[in-house]
């Protein structure tokens, strides 16, 4: 897994290339930190972008959903996709409006879909989604039955090309603006969960599982 993706016209970071990263460790760190990705694809000349939850299994991205999904039908047939992930980290307030920006981590990945087939492989993929969202939940909740598995399409996208772009740091004002009389700096963003809210229909009420007790503790 500790490898680099060759820099090509497809994945090369052209705007601010010094922020580009091509090693799998940096790219996968961004992919794994996000719960949602955007999947871009073309069907009969029309461009679509679909936001969806993802999981990573080694050097491939897993996607799943309803068998009626246009995106998943495209991938199940081997279609090409571009997968994008972005995590905002801070607003950057410069002395000039032109230099205002954002600190962020992003990754762009390219590949073609392939169906995940076989009962064991499909269940393992769904377990990966579940444990990625809430570790410990798979063994606690009811697992998918045959009917639910038949209604679900699961595809893998082996990562053929990828890059990350990471922006971090203070404003980059021109020297002529450094004495401009206005506050400058960054406003960090934090991604937090609130305390769990129980479904009032649960009777009798159930105790909060241990794996949920850290949510909302900050």
Protein backbone atom coordinates (compact mmCIF):
# COMPACT_ATOMS: atom_id res chain seq x y z
CA UNK A 1 0.00 0.00 0.00
CA UNK A 2 2.97 2.33 0.55
CA UNK A 3 3.41 3.33 -3.08
CA UNK A 4 3.12 6.35 -5.34
CA UNK A 5 0.76 6.90 -8.24
CA UNK A 6 2.61 8.02 -11.38
CA UNK A 7 2.08 11.69 -12.16
CA UNK A 8 0.18 11.88 -15.46
CA UNK A 9 -1.94 14.50 -17.28
CA UNK A 10 -4.97 12.81 -15.69
CA UNK A 11 -4.05 13.15 -12.00
CA UNK A 12 -1.47 15.96 -12.05
CA UNK A 13 -2.33 18.91 -9.77
CA UNK A 14 -2.06 21.92 -12.07
CA UNK A 15 -3.25 24.80 -9.85
CA UNK A 16 -0.75 25.31 -7.00
CA UNK A 17 1.16 22.12 -7.89
CA UNK A 18 3.32 22.41 -4.76
CA UNK A 19 0.27 21.31 -2.77
CA UNK A 20 -0.05 18.08 -4.74
CA UNK A 21 0.61 14.68 -3.15
CA UNK A 22 0.87 11.43 -5.09
CA UNK A 23 1.79 8.86 -2.45
CA UNK A 24 -0.88 6.40 -1.36
CA UNK A 25 -0.38 7.14 2.34
CA UNK A 26 -1.30 10.83 1.93
CA UNK A 27 -4.15 10.12 -0.49
CA UNK A 28 -5.70 7.33 1.55
CA UNK A 29 -5.50 9.39 4.75
CA UNK A 30 -7.86 11.91 3.13
CA UNK A 31 -10.15 9.21 1.72
CA UNK A 32 -10.40 7.43 5.09
CA UNK A 33 -11.08 10.65 7.02
CA UNK A 34 -14.22 11.43 4.98
CA UNK A 35 -17.55 9.61 5.18
CA UNK A 36 -18.89 10.93 1.87
CA UNK A 37 -17.42 11.18 -1.61
CA UNK A 38 -18.69 12.58 -4.91
CA UNK A 39 -18.70 10.18 -7.87
CA UNK A 40 -18.54 11.69 -11.35
CA UNK A 41 -19.46 9.67 -14.44
CA UNK A 42 -20.83 10.05 -17.97
CA UNK A 43 -23.84 8.21 -19.41
CA UNK A 44 -24.78 8.80 -23.03
CA UNK A 45 -22.90 12.09 -23.08
CA UNK A 46 -24.52 13.47 -19.92
CA UNK A 47 -22.28 14.20 -16.93
CA UNK A 48 -23.57 13.22 -13.48
CA UNK A 49 -22.10 13.67 -10.00
CA UNK A 50 -23.55 11.58 -7.17
CA UNK A 51 -22.68 12.06 -3.49
CA UNK A 52 -22.50 8.78 -1.60
CA UNK A 53 -20.89 7.02 1.33
CA UNK A 54 -17.72 5.11 0.52
CA UNK A 55 -15.31 2.67 2.10
CA UNK A 56 -11.78 1.71 1.13
CA UNK A 57 -10.48 -1.84 0.97
CA UNK A 58 -6.77 -1.66 0.22
CA UNK A 59 -6.26 -0.11 -3.20
CA UNK A 60 -9.92 -0.03 -4.13
CA UNK A 61 -12.97 2.05 -3.24
CA UNK A 62 -16.23 0.28 -2.37
CA UNK A 63 -19.62 1.79 -3.16
CA UNK A 64 -23.06 0.36 -2.53
CA UNK A 65 -26.73 1.15 -2.78
CA UNK A 66 -30.00 0.29 -4.49
CA UNK A 67 -30.00 -1.86 -7.61
CA UNK A 68 -32.00 0.96 -9.24
CA UNK A 69 -29.09 3.38 -8.86
CA UNK A 70 -27.98 4.81 -12.21
CA UNK A 71 -24.46 5.29 -10.89
CA UNK A 72 -24.16 1.72 -9.62
CA UNK A 73 -25.55 0.25 -12.85
CA UNK A 74 -22.87 2.22 -14.71
CA UNK A 75 -20.14 0.92 -12.40
CA UNK A 76 -21.47 -2.63 -12.35
CA UNK A 77 -20.98 -2.66 -16.12
CA UNK A 78 -17.36 -1.54 -15.83
CA UNK A 79 -17.91 2.18 -16.41
CA UNK A 80 -15.25 4.81 -15.71
CA UNK A 81 -15.56 7.18 -12.75
CA UNK A 82 -13.78 10.05 -11.05
CA UNK A 83 -14.17 10.02 -7.26
CA UNK A 84 -13.57 13.20 -5.27
CA UNK A 85 -13.29 13.77 -1.51
CA UNK A 86 -12.87 17.14 0.22
CA UNK A 87 -12.47 17.94 3.91
CA UNK A 88 -12.52 21.66 4.86
CA UNK A 89 -10.18 22.45 7.77
CA UNK A 90 -10.16 26.24 8.17
CA UNK A 91 -11.23 29.56 6.69
CA UNK A 92 -8.21 31.67 5.79
CA UNK A 93 -8.75 35.42 6.26
CA UNK A 94 -6.06 37.46 4.57
CA UNK A 95 -5.41 41.19 4.56
CA UNK A 96 -6.66 41.39 0.98
CA UNK A 97 -9.91 39.88 -0.28
CA UNK A 98 -8.03 38.35 -3.21
CA UNK A 99 -5.94 36.17 -0.88
CA UNK A 100 -8.85 34.86 1.22
CA UNK A 101 -9.00 31.09 0.92
CA UNK A 102 -9.58 27.84 2.78
CA UNK A 103 -7.36 25.19 4.28
CA UNK A 104 -8.50 21.77 3.15
CA UNK A 105 -7.56 18.19 2.32
CA UNK A 106 -8.81 16.75 -0.94
CA UNK A 107 -8.27 13.64 -3.03
CA UNK A 108 -9.21 12.73 -6.58
CA UNK A 109 -9.24 9.12 -7.74
CA UNK A 110 -9.84 7.50 -11.12
CA UNK A 111 -10.87 3.97 -12.02
CA UNK A 112 -13.43 1.62 -13.52
CA UNK A 113 -16.13 -0.26 -11.68
CA UNK A 114 -16.25 -3.98 -11.11
CA UNK A 115 -19.09 -5.88 -9.40
CA UNK A 116 -18.52 -7.46 -6.00
CA UNK A 117 -19.97 -10.94 -6.36
CA UNK A 118 -20.32 -13.95 -4.07
CA UNK A 119 -22.18 -13.98 -0.79
CA UNK A 120 -19.12 -13.90 1.46
CA UNK A 121 -17.48 -11.02 -0.43
CA UNK A 122 -20.68 -8.96 -0.44
CA UNK A 123 -21.29 -9.48 3.28
CA UNK A 124 -17.65 -8.60 4.00
CA UNK A 125 -18.06 -5.38 2.02
CA UNK A 126 -21.21 -4.40 3.92
CA UNK A 127 -19.47 -5.14 7.19
CA UNK A 128 -16.67 -2.81 6.13
CA UNK A 129 -19.20 -0.02 5.49
CA UNK A 130 -20.86 -0.61 8.86
CA UNK A 131 -17.66 -0.76 10.87
CA UNK A 132 -16.27 2.30 9.09
CA UNK A 133 -19.33 4.30 10.12
CA UNK A 134 -19.69 2.99 13.69
CA UNK A 135 -17.11 0.43 14.88
CA UNK A 136 -18.88 -2.29 16.83
CA UNK A 137 -22.29 -1.80 15.21
CA UNK A 138 -22.14 -4.78 12.83
CA UNK A 139 -22.22 -7.38 15.61
CA UNK A 140 -24.88 -5.46 17.55
CA UNK A 141 -27.58 -4.73 14.94
CA UNK A 142 -29.45 -7.21 12.73
CA UNK A 143 -27.33 -8.11 9.74
CA UNK A 144 -28.65 -8.12 6.13
CA UNK A 145 -30.88 -11.03 5.12
CA UNK A 146 -31.03 -12.62 1.66
CA UNK A 147 -33.81 -10.34 0.46
CA UNK A 148 -31.89 -7.22 1.45
CA UNK A 149 -28.70 -8.52 -0.16
CA UNK A 150 -30.56 -9.08 -3.43
CA UNK A 151 -31.76 -5.47 -3.38
CA UNK A 152 -28.22 -4.12 -2.92
CA UNK A 153 -25.58 -3.50 -5.56
CA UNK A 154 -21.98 -3.45 -4.33
CA UNK A 155 -19.16 -2.40 -6.61
CA UNK A 156 -15.42 -1.97 -6.25
CA UNK A 157 -13.37 0.66 -8.04
CA UNK A 158 -9.69 -0.37 -8.21
CA UNK A 159 -7.73 2.89 -7.99
CA UNK A 160 -5.86 3.31 -11.26
CA UNK A 161 -4.69 6.89 -10.75
CA UNK A 162 -4.97 9.37 -7.89
CA UNK A 163 -3.64 12.50 -6.26
CA UNK A 164 -4.26 14.56 -3.15
CA UNK A 165 -4.15 18.31 -2.69
CA UNK A 166 -3.56 19.70 0.77
CA UNK A 167 -3.73 23.38 1.70
CA UNK A 168 -2.57 24.33 5.18
CA UNK A 169 -1.19 27.41 6.88
CA UNK A 170 -1.64 31.13 7.36
CA UNK A 171 -2.62 33.72 4.72
CA UNK A 172 -0.16 34.39 1.91
CA UNK A 173 -0.57 38.14 1.53
CA UNK A 174 1.64 40.18 -0.73
CA UNK A 175 4.39 42.01 1.12
CA UNK A 176 2.73 45.35 0.25
CA UNK A 177 -0.40 44.31 2.21
CA UNK A 178 1.31 43.09 5.37
CA UNK A 179 0.75 46.41 7.19
CA UNK A 180 -2.87 46.77 6.14
CA UNK A 181 -4.86 47.53 9.36
CA UNK A 182 -7.17 44.51 9.48
CA UNK A 183 -7.19 41.24 11.42
CA UNK A 184 -5.73 38.30 9.52
CA UNK A 185 -5.40 34.61 10.38
CA UNK A 186 -7.34 31.36 10.21
CA UNK A 187 -10.63 30.15 11.67
CA UNK A 188 -10.23 26.39 12.28
CA UNK A 189 -13.15 24.07 11.63
CA UNK A 190 -13.95 21.08 13.80
CA UNK A 191 -16.01 18.08 12.76
CA UNK A 192 -17.94 16.93 15.83
CA UNK A 193 -20.79 14.61 16.69
CA UNK A 194 -23.48 15.58 19.19
CA UNK A 195 -24.79 13.24 21.87
CA UNK A 196 -26.89 10.30 20.53
CA UNK A 197 -30.67 10.85 20.51
CA UNK A 198 -32.70 7.64 21.09
CA UNK A 199 -35.65 6.66 18.91
CA UNK A 200 -38.70 7.20 21.19
CA UNK A 201 -40.41 4.18 19.59
CA UNK A 202 -37.91 1.81 21.21
CA UNK A 203 -39.78 0.05 24.03
CA UNK A 204 -38.54 -0.70 26.51
CA UNK A 205 -35.72 1.88 26.24
CA UNK A 206 -32.31 0.35 25.56
CA UNK A 207 -29.08 1.40 27.24
CA UNK A 208 -26.60 3.33 25.13
CA UNK A 209 -24.01 0.88 23.72
CA UNK A 210 -20.46 1.32 24.91
CA UNK A 211 -19.25 2.13 21.40
CA UNK A 212 -21.58 5.17 21.28
CA UNK A 213 -20.67 6.68 24.62
CA UNK A 214 -17.83 8.80 23.27
CA UNK A 215 -20.16 10.64 20.90
CA UNK A 216 -20.95 14.15 22.10
CA UNK A 217 -18.38 13.93 24.92
CA UNK A 218 -16.42 16.99 23.74
